[in-house]
């Protein structure tokens, strides 16, 4: 795995490969920044995840809301408030689903136990799906849109949730991967074109791949212990990008963003329908 960008993020997160722009965007949550190779956008609050709306517009999740953000002008407009009256929390992991919705997790700014939740925004409707979450992560979706995945990192379990025909949860979630016995901490995840889930494991310096049945397949080493979230990109979607965090560390590579060409392909990130 090579260095994709050597700028240090205090808490790198939310990598998004924009399929129309052929460009990677990612966040430094604690640094209140959105980054690409070409630019940096600064915010007045913490920002963590995004989905693409069109070539120049992103839906950006901040600590207080979901915002329509214009990449060309830097203008932003509020789409929906997100725990704006709860100053203890901020947004964390998020991703667009195959139905045009956007899932976003929140968490306590100091990882306060069970302070966060996971929400879905869909065509003007913001609903809380999972509550009492400590560190929301791993939001991603199967290629056919039948399952969503998520985790509370503190639980050390990645959950799988069946979806109905509009992308809302159907029935109860079940454990997809249990990492308690290995002492591993699941952070961000992405699902490739074959349905395998790639999970960044905080503190373990790796991204692990699990089959559609949840069985461990293999792992890619990351040259930073606090790998935070993977994303597939590149023209053929065969480049794995991985963000990392420097918070609390003094080590080479911490907080940088990495990439590696693979022999598998990811899914194109879905468009958010506002």
Protein backbone atom coordinates (compact mmCIF):
# COMPACT_ATOMS: atom_id res chain seq x y z
CA UNK A 1 0.00 0.00 0.00
CA UNK A 2 1.35 3.40 -1.06
CA UNK A 3 0.86 6.91 0.27
CA UNK A 4 -1.93 8.54 -1.74
CA UNK A 5 -1.74 11.84 0.12
CA UNK A 6 0.79 12.72 2.80
CA UNK A 7 -1.18 15.50 4.46
CA UNK A 8 -1.85 14.48 8.05
CA UNK A 9 -5.45 14.26 9.21
CA UNK A 10 -6.08 14.33 12.93
CA UNK A 11 -9.04 12.03 12.26
CA UNK A 12 -9.23 11.03 8.60
CA UNK A 13 -12.62 9.57 7.64
CA UNK A 14 -15.36 9.33 5.04
CA UNK A 15 -13.46 8.67 1.77
CA UNK A 16 -15.77 9.08 -1.22
CA UNK A 17 -14.85 8.35 -4.85
CA UNK A 18 -17.00 10.65 -6.97
CA UNK A 19 -17.85 8.64 -10.12
CA UNK A 20 -18.64 11.67 -12.29
CA UNK A 21 -15.57 13.67 -11.30
CA UNK A 22 -13.25 10.63 -10.98
CA UNK A 23 -11.95 12.21 -7.81
CA UNK A 24 -11.48 11.14 -4.19
CA UNK A 25 -12.81 13.28 -1.35
CA UNK A 26 -12.22 12.62 2.34
CA UNK A 27 -12.56 14.37 5.69
CA UNK A 28 -10.45 15.36 8.66
CA UNK A 29 -13.24 15.34 11.23
CA UNK A 30 -11.36 16.99 14.10
CA UNK A 31 -9.60 19.35 11.69
CA UNK A 32 -13.00 20.45 10.30
CA UNK A 33 -11.83 19.92 6.72
CA UNK A 34 -12.94 18.32 3.47
CA UNK A 35 -9.99 17.34 1.26
CA UNK A 36 -9.23 16.26 -2.28
CA UNK A 37 -5.87 16.01 -4.02
CA UNK A 38 -6.47 19.45 -5.51
CA UNK A 39 -8.21 21.40 -2.75
CA UNK A 40 -9.08 21.80 0.91
CA UNK A 41 -12.35 23.22 2.19
CA UNK A 42 -12.54 24.44 5.82
CA UNK A 43 -15.71 24.43 7.92
CA UNK A 44 -16.78 26.05 11.17
CA UNK A 45 -17.84 22.72 12.66
CA UNK A 46 -16.82 19.08 12.43
CA UNK A 47 -17.69 17.30 9.16
CA UNK A 48 -17.38 13.58 8.59
CA UNK A 49 -19.07 11.98 5.57
CA UNK A 50 -20.70 12.75 2.23
CA UNK A 51 -22.66 11.42 -0.70
CA UNK A 52 -22.66 12.89 -4.21
CA UNK A 53 -25.74 14.61 -5.63
CA UNK A 54 -24.35 15.69 -9.01
CA UNK A 55 -21.00 16.71 -10.45
CA UNK A 56 -20.62 19.79 -8.27
CA UNK A 57 -22.88 19.07 -5.32
CA UNK A 58 -22.30 16.88 -2.26
CA UNK A 59 -24.55 16.08 0.67
CA UNK A 60 -22.20 16.66 3.63
CA UNK A 61 -22.85 15.50 7.18
CA UNK A 62 -21.69 17.82 9.96
CA UNK A 63 -22.12 17.79 13.72
CA UNK A 64 -25.43 19.67 13.38
CA UNK A 65 -26.95 18.71 10.05
CA UNK A 66 -26.96 17.41 6.51
CA UNK A 67 -25.92 20.11 4.07
CA UNK A 68 -26.06 20.63 0.33
CA UNK A 69 -22.46 21.67 -0.42
CA UNK A 70 -21.35 23.24 -3.70
CA UNK A 71 -17.78 22.19 -4.54
CA UNK A 72 -17.36 25.01 -7.05
CA UNK A 73 -18.41 27.89 -4.78
CA UNK A 74 -18.14 26.49 -1.26
CA UNK A 75 -21.74 27.51 -0.55
CA UNK A 76 -23.80 25.28 1.72
CA UNK A 77 -27.50 25.05 2.48
CA UNK A 78 -29.16 23.06 5.26
CA UNK A 79 -31.11 20.02 4.09
CA UNK A 80 -31.97 18.51 7.48
CA UNK A 81 -30.92 19.17 11.07
CA UNK A 82 -29.04 16.28 12.70
CA UNK A 83 -29.02 16.30 16.51
CA UNK A 84 -28.47 20.06 16.30
CA UNK A 85 -29.87 20.46 19.83
CA UNK A 86 -27.48 17.84 21.27
CA UNK A 87 -24.06 19.53 21.60
CA UNK A 88 -22.45 16.39 23.01
CA UNK A 89 -22.69 14.54 19.65
CA UNK A 90 -21.34 14.82 16.11
CA UNK A 91 -21.74 12.89 12.88
CA UNK A 92 -19.33 10.07 12.06
CA UNK A 93 -19.60 7.38 9.36
CA UNK A 94 -22.07 7.60 6.47
CA UNK A 95 -22.79 6.44 2.92
CA UNK A 96 -25.45 6.65 0.21
CA UNK A 97 -27.59 3.55 -0.28
CA UNK A 98 -28.68 1.94 -3.59
CA UNK A 99 -32.10 3.62 -3.37
CA UNK A 100 -30.79 7.19 -3.28
CA UNK A 101 -31.00 7.52 0.48
CA UNK A 102 -28.16 8.52 2.81
CA UNK A 103 -27.34 6.71 6.06
CA UNK A 104 -25.42 8.64 8.70
CA UNK A 105 -24.25 7.72 12.19
CA UNK A 106 -23.64 9.98 15.16
CA UNK A 107 -21.56 9.54 18.30
CA UNK A 108 -20.50 11.43 21.39
CA UNK A 109 -17.60 13.82 20.80
CA UNK A 110 -15.80 12.10 23.67
CA UNK A 111 -17.25 8.66 22.81
CA UNK A 112 -19.85 9.00 25.53
CA UNK A 113 -21.51 5.57 25.94
CA UNK A 114 -24.67 5.08 23.86
CA UNK A 115 -24.96 8.80 23.03
CA UNK A 116 -25.22 8.31 19.26
CA UNK A 117 -27.55 6.78 16.70
CA UNK A 118 -27.83 5.79 13.03
CA UNK A 119 -30.23 7.61 10.73
CA UNK A 120 -31.45 7.41 7.15
CA UNK A 121 -32.32 10.45 5.04
CA UNK A 122 -34.56 9.60 2.09
CA UNK A 123 -36.38 12.13 -0.09
CA UNK A 124 -36.92 14.63 2.70
CA UNK A 125 -37.53 12.09 5.47
CA UNK A 126 -34.89 11.73 8.21
CA UNK A 127 -35.57 8.73 10.48
CA UNK A 128 -33.63 7.27 13.38
CA UNK A 129 -32.99 3.58 12.67
CA UNK A 130 -30.67 2.48 15.50
CA UNK A 131 -30.29 4.19 18.87
CA UNK A 132 -27.95 3.93 21.87
CA UNK A 133 -24.85 3.73 19.66
CA UNK A 134 -21.44 4.63 21.11
CA UNK A 135 -19.27 4.80 17.94
CA UNK A 136 -21.22 4.44 14.67
CA UNK A 137 -19.27 2.94 11.78
CA UNK A 138 -19.19 0.47 8.86
CA UNK A 139 -22.25 1.82 7.02
CA UNK A 140 -22.30 0.12 3.60
CA UNK A 141 -24.58 -1.92 1.36
CA UNK A 142 -24.72 -5.15 -0.62
CA UNK A 143 -24.57 -4.73 -4.42
CA UNK A 144 -28.17 -5.87 -4.91
CA UNK A 145 -29.52 -3.52 -2.23
CA UNK A 146 -30.94 -6.29 -0.05
CA UNK A 147 -28.70 -5.66 2.97
CA UNK A 148 -27.18 -2.78 4.91
CA UNK A 149 -24.22 -3.21 7.25
CA UNK A 150 -23.21 -1.14 10.27
CA UNK A 151 -21.42 -1.40 13.59
CA UNK A 152 -21.10 0.16 16.98
CA UNK A 153 -17.32 -0.14 17.15
CA UNK A 154 -17.46 -0.68 20.91
CA UNK A 155 -19.58 -3.80 20.39
CA UNK A 156 -16.85 -5.35 18.17
CA UNK A 157 -19.62 -6.76 15.97
CA UNK A 158 -20.61 -5.83 12.41
CA UNK A 159 -24.35 -6.12 11.92
CA UNK A 160 -26.34 -7.02 8.81
CA UNK A 161 -29.79 -5.52 8.26
CA UNK A 162 -32.26 -6.71 5.60
CA UNK A 163 -33.89 -3.91 3.59
CA UNK A 164 -37.29 -3.57 1.99
CA UNK A 165 -38.03 -2.39 -1.55
CA UNK A 166 -37.46 1.27 -0.60
CA UNK A 167 -34.31 0.72 1.41
CA UNK A 168 -35.84 0.85 4.89
CA UNK A 169 -34.96 -1.84 7.48
CA UNK A 170 -37.07 -4.99 7.32
CA UNK A 171 -37.00 -7.10 10.48
CA UNK A 172 -34.23 -7.28 13.06
CA UNK A 173 -30.51 -6.94 12.37
CA UNK A 174 -28.25 -9.95 12.89
CA UNK A 175 -24.54 -10.34 13.65
CA UNK A 176 -22.53 -10.59 10.42
CA UNK A 177 -18.98 -10.58 11.82
CA UNK A 178 -18.06 -10.99 15.49
CA UNK A 179 -14.57 -9.71 16.32
CA UNK A 180 -14.74 -9.98 20.12
CA UNK A 181 -12.61 -13.11 20.35
CA UNK A 182 -9.87 -11.47 18.26
CA UNK A 183 -10.04 -8.21 20.18
CA UNK A 184 -10.47 -6.24 16.95
CA UNK A 185 -12.30 -2.94 16.59
CA UNK A 186 -14.35 -2.52 13.38
CA UNK A 187 -14.20 0.97 11.90
CA UNK A 188 -15.38 2.01 8.42
CA UNK A 189 -16.35 -0.54 5.76
CA UNK A 190 -17.16 -0.77 2.07
CA UNK A 191 -18.62 -3.63 0.01
CA UNK A 192 -17.05 -4.65 -3.30
CA UNK A 193 -18.81 -5.70 -6.51
CA UNK A 194 -18.90 -9.36 -5.45
CA UNK A 195 -20.53 -8.67 -2.08
CA UNK A 196 -17.39 -8.96 0.07
CA UNK A 197 -17.09 -6.49 2.93
CA UNK A 198 -13.77 -4.67 3.50
CA UNK A 199 -13.40 -3.41 7.06
CA UNK A 200 -10.77 -1.02 8.42
CA UNK A 201 -9.82 -2.21 11.89
CA UNK A 202 -8.85 0.57 14.28
CA UNK A 203 -5.56 -0.10 16.01
CA UNK A 204 -4.75 -3.17 13.90
CA UNK A 205 -3.09 -1.47 10.88
CA UNK A 206 -5.18 -3.41 8.37
CA UNK A 207 -8.27 -3.68 6.21
CA UNK A 208 -9.83 -7.14 6.45
CA UNK A 209 -12.05 -8.76 3.79
CA UNK A 210 -15.05 -10.89 4.71
CA UNK A 211 -17.12 -12.96 2.28
CA UNK A 212 -20.87 -12.51 1.76
CA UNK A 213 -21.33 -15.19 4.43
CA UNK A 214 -19.24 -13.23 6.96
CA UNK A 215 -16.24 -15.59 6.79
CA UNK A 216 -12.77 -14.02 7.01
CA UNK A 217 -10.94 -14.17 3.68
CA UNK A 218 -7.75 -12.11 3.97
CA UNK A 219 -6.41 -8.74 5.07
CA UNK A 220 -4.42 -5.88 3.53
CA UNK A 221 -1.78 -4.26 5.78
CA UNK A 222 -2.04 -0.48 6.16
CA UNK A 223 1.08 1.56 7.08
CA UNK A 224 -0.79 3.33 9.88
CA UNK A 225 -2.19 1.64 12.97
CA UNK A 226 -5.39 3.69 13.09
CA UNK A 227 -6.84 2.81 9.69
CA UNK A 228 -10.31 4.34 9.68
CA UNK A 229 -12.23 3.77 6.44
CA UNK A 230 -11.76 2.21 2.98
CA UNK A 231 -13.20 3.26 -0.38
CA UNK A 232 -12.86 1.85 -3.89
CA UNK A 233 -11.88 4.29 -6.62
CA UNK A 234 -10.01 4.73 -9.86
CA UNK A 235 -11.35 4.44 -13.40
CA UNK A 236 -11.96 0.69 -12.99
CA UNK A 237 -12.85 0.90 -9.28
CA UNK A 238 -9.92 -1.37 -8.48
CA UNK A 239 -7.97 1.04 -6.27
CA UNK A 240 -8.54 0.65 -2.55
CA UNK A 241 -8.13 3.97 -0.71
CA UNK A 242 -7.83 4.03 3.08
CA UNK A 243 -7.94 6.98 5.46
CA UNK A 244 -6.24 6.98 8.85
CA UNK A 245 -6.01 9.04 12.03
CA UNK A 246 -3.14 10.65 13.89
CA UNK A 247 -5.08 11.44 17.07
CA UNK A 248 -3.17 10.22 20.12
CA UNK A 249 -0.24 8.90 18.06
CA UNK A 250 3.32 9.83 17.24
CA UNK A 251 4.18 7.42 14.44
CA UNK A 252 5.18 7.62 10.79
CA UNK A 253 2.21 7.49 8.45
CA UNK A 254 -0.42 8.30 11.06
CA UNK A 255 -3.18 10.45 9.58
CA UNK A 256 -2.12 9.97 5.97
CA UNK A 257 -4.30 8.54 3.20
CA UNK A 258 -3.18 5.39 1.36
CA UNK A 259 -4.04 3.47 -1.79
CA UNK A 260 -3.37 0.10 -3.39
CA UNK A 261 -4.37 -1.51 -6.70
CA UNK A 262 -6.28 -4.78 -6.24
CA UNK A 263 -7.48 -7.61 -8.45
CA UNK A 264 -11.07 -7.01 -7.36
CA UNK A 265 -13.44 -4.16 -8.14
CA UNK A 266 -15.67 -2.09 -5.95
CA UNK A 267 -19.12 -0.66 -6.51
CA UNK A 268 -19.64 2.84 -7.85
CA UNK A 269 -20.86 5.10 -5.05
CA UNK A 270 -24.58 5.73 -5.30
CA UNK A 271 -26.12 9.13 -6.04
CA UNK A 272 -28.09 10.81 -3.23
CA UNK A 273 -31.55 11.91 -4.33
CA UNK A 274 -32.58 15.07 -2.52
